[in-house]
Amino acid sequence: MPADIASALIDEVLEAVQSHVTDPREDRDLVKGRLTSIDTRLGLVHTDMARQSDRLDKLERRIGRVETRLKIGG
């Protein structure tokens, strides 16, 4: 009987350990998914910033031409 009790206790402990081991795996997968989403959104932010920078450059050139034509500014 003592061997059966020890075996049952070991099984119980192993089941508890196993349930805790699967949780970090699920958490890791969730974190990986969220990081992928963040990477995607960050890429979109960079794209938007590049577009805004391009628009500002075009406006600066246009203003420069206007200033040159009017012989004002800088």
N, C-alpha and C. Protein backbone atom coordinates (compact mmCIF):
# COMPACT_ATOMS: atom_id res chain seq x y z
N MET A 1 0.79 -1.21 0.00
CA MET A 1 0.00 0.00 0.00
C MET A 1 0.83 1.27 0.00
N PRO A 2 1.91 1.37 0.77
CA PRO A 2 2.68 2.61 0.76
C PRO A 2 3.17 2.97 -0.64
N ALA A 3 3.52 1.99 -1.44
CA ALA A 3 3.98 2.27 -2.79
C ALA A 3 2.84 2.86 -3.62
N ASP A 4 1.64 2.34 -3.42
CA ASP A 4 0.47 2.87 -4.15
C ASP A 4 0.18 4.31 -3.74
N ILE A 5 0.32 4.58 -2.46
CA ILE A 5 0.07 5.94 -1.96
C ILE A 5 1.13 6.89 -2.52
N ALA A 6 2.39 6.46 -2.50
CA ALA A 6 3.48 7.28 -3.03
C ALA A 6 3.26 7.54 -4.52
N SER A 7 2.86 6.49 -5.24
CA SER A 7 2.62 6.62 -6.67
C SER A 7 1.47 7.60 -6.93
N ALA A 8 0.42 7.51 -6.14
CA ALA A 8 -0.72 8.41 -6.29
C ALA A 8 -0.31 9.86 -5.99
N LEU A 9 0.50 10.05 -4.96
CA LEU A 9 0.98 11.39 -4.62
C LEU A 9 1.86 11.96 -5.73
N ILE A 10 2.73 11.11 -6.25
CA ILE A 10 3.61 11.54 -7.34
C ILE A 10 2.78 11.93 -8.56
N ASP A 11 1.76 11.11 -8.87
CA ASP A 11 0.88 11.42 -10.00
C ASP A 11 0.17 12.75 -9.78
N GLU A 12 -0.28 12.98 -8.56
CA GLU A 12 -0.99 14.21 -8.23
C GLU A 12 -0.07 15.43 -8.40
N VAL A 13 1.15 15.29 -7.92
CA VAL A 13 2.12 16.38 -8.03
C VAL A 13 2.47 16.63 -9.49
N LEU A 14 2.67 15.57 -10.24
CA LEU A 14 3.01 15.71 -11.66
C LEU A 14 1.88 16.39 -12.44
N GLU A 15 0.64 16.04 -12.12
CA GLU A 15 -0.50 16.69 -12.78
C GLU A 15 -0.53 18.19 -12.46
N ALA A 16 -0.26 18.53 -11.20
CA ALA A 16 -0.24 19.94 -10.81
C ALA A 16 0.87 20.69 -11.54
N VAL A 17 2.04 20.07 -11.62
CA VAL A 17 3.18 20.69 -12.32
C VAL A 17 2.84 20.84 -13.80
N GLN A 18 2.24 19.82 -14.37
CA GLN A 18 1.92 19.85 -15.79
C GLN A 18 0.91 20.97 -16.11
N SER A 19 -0.05 21.18 -15.22
CA SER A 19 -1.03 22.24 -15.47
C SER A 19 -0.36 23.61 -15.41
N HIS A 20 0.65 23.77 -14.58
CA HIS A 20 1.36 25.05 -14.50
C HIS A 20 2.32 25.24 -15.68
N VAL A 21 2.80 24.16 -16.24
CA VAL A 21 3.74 24.24 -17.36
C VAL A 21 3.00 24.65 -18.64
N THR A 22 1.76 24.22 -18.82
CA THR A 22 1.03 24.58 -20.04
C THR A 22 0.64 26.05 -20.04
N ASP A 23 0.38 26.64 -18.88
CA ASP A 23 -0.01 28.04 -18.82
C ASP A 23 1.05 28.97 -19.40
N PRO A 24 2.34 28.82 -19.04
CA PRO A 24 3.35 29.70 -19.64
C PRO A 24 3.44 29.54 -21.15
N ARG A 25 3.20 28.35 -21.66
CA ARG A 25 3.23 28.15 -23.10
C ARG A 25 2.11 28.94 -23.77
N GLU A 26 0.94 28.89 -23.20
CA GLU A 26 -0.18 29.65 -23.74
C GLU A 26 0.10 31.14 -23.64
N ASP A 27 0.65 31.56 -22.50
CA ASP A 27 1.00 32.97 -22.33
C ASP A 27 2.05 33.40 -23.35
N ARG A 28 3.02 32.56 -23.58
CA ARG A 28 4.07 32.86 -24.56
C ARG A 28 3.47 33.03 -25.95
N ASP A 29 2.56 32.14 -26.33
CA ASP A 29 1.93 32.23 -27.63
C ASP A 29 1.10 33.51 -27.75
N LEU A 30 0.43 33.88 -26.67
CA LEU A 30 -0.34 35.11 -26.65
C LEU A 30 0.57 36.32 -26.81
N VAL A 31 1.68 36.32 -26.10
CA VAL A 31 2.64 37.43 -26.18
C VAL A 31 3.24 37.51 -27.59
N LYS A 32 3.55 36.37 -28.18
CA LYS A 32 4.10 36.38 -29.54
C LYS A 32 3.10 36.96 -30.52
N GLY A 33 1.84 36.62 -30.36
CA GLY A 33 0.80 37.17 -31.22
C GLY A 33 0.66 38.67 -31.07
N ARG A 34 0.73 39.12 -29.82
CA ARG A 34 0.61 40.56 -29.57
C ARG A 34 1.83 41.31 -30.10
N LEU A 35 3.01 40.71 -29.99
CA LEU A 35 4.21 41.35 -30.53
C LEU A 35 4.13 41.47 -32.05
N THR A 36 3.61 40.45 -32.69
CA THR A 36 3.43 40.50 -34.14
C THR A 36 2.49 41.63 -34.51
N SER A 37 1.42 41.78 -33.75
CA SER A 37 0.47 42.86 -33.99
C SER A 37 1.13 44.22 -33.80
N ILE A 38 1.93 44.35 -32.76
CA ILE A 38 2.64 45.61 -32.50
C ILE A 38 3.62 45.90 -33.62
N ASP A 39 4.35 44.89 -34.08
CA ASP A 39 5.28 45.07 -35.19
C ASP A 39 4.55 45.57 -36.44
N THR A 40 3.40 44.99 -36.72
CA THR A 40 2.61 45.39 -37.88
C THR A 40 2.17 46.84 -37.76
N ARG A 41 1.65 47.19 -36.59
CA ARG A 41 1.19 48.56 -36.38
C ARG A 41 2.35 49.55 -36.44
N LEU A 42 3.49 49.17 -35.89
CA LEU A 42 4.66 50.04 -35.94
C LEU A 42 5.09 50.27 -37.38
N GLY A 43 5.03 49.23 -38.18
CA GLY A 43 5.34 49.38 -39.61
C GLY A 43 4.41 50.37 -40.28
N LEU A 44 3.14 50.32 -39.93
CA LEU A 44 2.18 51.26 -40.50
C LEU A 44 2.48 52.69 -40.04
N VAL A 45 2.89 52.85 -38.79
CA VAL A 45 3.25 54.18 -38.29
C VAL A 45 4.44 54.71 -39.06
N HIS A 46 5.44 53.87 -39.31
CA HIS A 46 6.61 54.31 -40.06
C HIS A 46 6.22 54.73 -41.47
N THR A 47 5.33 53.97 -42.08
CA THR A 47 4.87 54.30 -43.43
C THR A 47 4.15 55.64 -43.43
N ASP A 48 3.27 55.84 -42.45
CA ASP A 48 2.55 57.11 -42.36
C ASP A 48 3.51 58.28 -42.13
N MET A 49 4.51 58.07 -41.30
CA MET A 49 5.48 59.13 -41.04
C MET A 49 6.28 59.47 -42.30
N ALA A 50 6.61 58.46 -43.08
CA ALA A 50 7.34 58.70 -44.33
C ALA A 50 6.48 59.50 -45.30
N ARG A 51 5.20 59.17 -45.36
CA ARG A 51 4.29 59.92 -46.24
C ARG A 51 4.19 61.38 -45.78
N GLN A 52 4.06 61.59 -44.48
CA GLN A 52 3.96 62.96 -43.96
C GLN A 52 5.24 63.73 -44.24
N SER A 53 6.36 63.08 -44.08
CA SER A 53 7.64 63.73 -44.35
C SER A 53 7.73 64.13 -45.82
N ASP A 54 7.28 63.24 -46.69
CA ASP A 54 7.29 63.53 -48.13
C ASP A 54 6.39 64.73 -48.44
N ARG A 55 5.21 64.76 -47.83
CA ARG A 55 4.29 65.89 -48.04
C ARG A 55 4.91 67.20 -47.55
N LEU A 56 5.56 67.15 -46.38
CA LEU A 56 6.20 68.36 -45.86
C LEU A 56 7.33 68.84 -46.79
N ASP A 57 8.10 67.89 -47.31
CA ASP A 57 9.17 68.25 -48.24
C ASP A 57 8.60 68.95 -49.47
N LYS A 58 7.50 68.43 -50.01
CA LYS A 58 6.87 69.05 -51.18
C LYS A 58 6.36 70.45 -50.85
N LEU A 59 5.75 70.60 -49.68
CA LEU A 59 5.27 71.93 -49.27
C LEU A 59 6.43 72.91 -49.11
N GLU A 60 7.53 72.46 -48.53
CA GLU A 60 8.70 73.33 -48.36
C GLU A 60 9.23 73.79 -49.71
N ARG A 61 9.26 72.87 -50.69
CA ARG A 61 9.74 73.25 -52.03
C ARG A 61 8.79 74.27 -52.66
N ARG A 62 7.49 74.05 -52.52
CA ARG A 62 6.52 74.97 -53.09
C ARG A 62 6.63 76.36 -52.44
N ILE A 63 6.74 76.37 -51.12
CA ILE A 63 6.88 77.64 -50.41
C ILE A 63 8.16 78.34 -50.84
N GLY A 64 9.22 77.57 -50.99
CA GLY A 64 10.49 78.14 -51.44
C GLY A 64 10.36 78.78 -52.81
N ARG A 65 9.63 78.13 -53.71
CA ARG A 65 9.43 78.70 -55.04
C ARG A 65 8.60 79.98 -54.97
N VAL A 66 7.57 79.98 -54.12
CA VAL A 66 6.73 81.16 -53.94
C VAL A 66 7.58 82.30 -53.39
N GLU A 67 8.38 82.01 -52.37
CA GLU A 67 9.22 83.04 -51.77
C GLU A 67 10.21 83.60 -52.79
N THR A 68 10.78 82.70 -53.59
CA THR A 68 11.73 83.15 -54.61
C THR A 68 11.04 84.03 -55.63
N ARG A 69 9.87 83.62 -56.04
CA ARG A 69 9.14 84.40 -57.05
C ARG A 69 8.72 85.77 -56.50
N LEU A 70 8.35 85.80 -55.22
CA LEU A 70 7.95 87.06 -54.60
C LEU A 70 9.12 87.84 -54.03
N LYS A 71 10.30 87.21 -54.07
CA LYS A 71 11.53 87.81 -53.54
C LYS A 71 11.38 88.18 -52.08
N ILE A 72 10.88 87.19 -51.30
CA ILE A 72 10.76 87.35 -49.85
C ILE A 72 11.34 86.14 -49.16
N GLY A 73 11.47 86.23 -47.85
CA GLY A 73 11.86 85.09 -47.02
C GLY A 73 13.27 84.63 -47.26
N GLY A 74 13.49 83.50 -46.63
CA GLY A 74 14.68 83.01 -46.63
C GLY A 74 15.81 82.39 -46.93
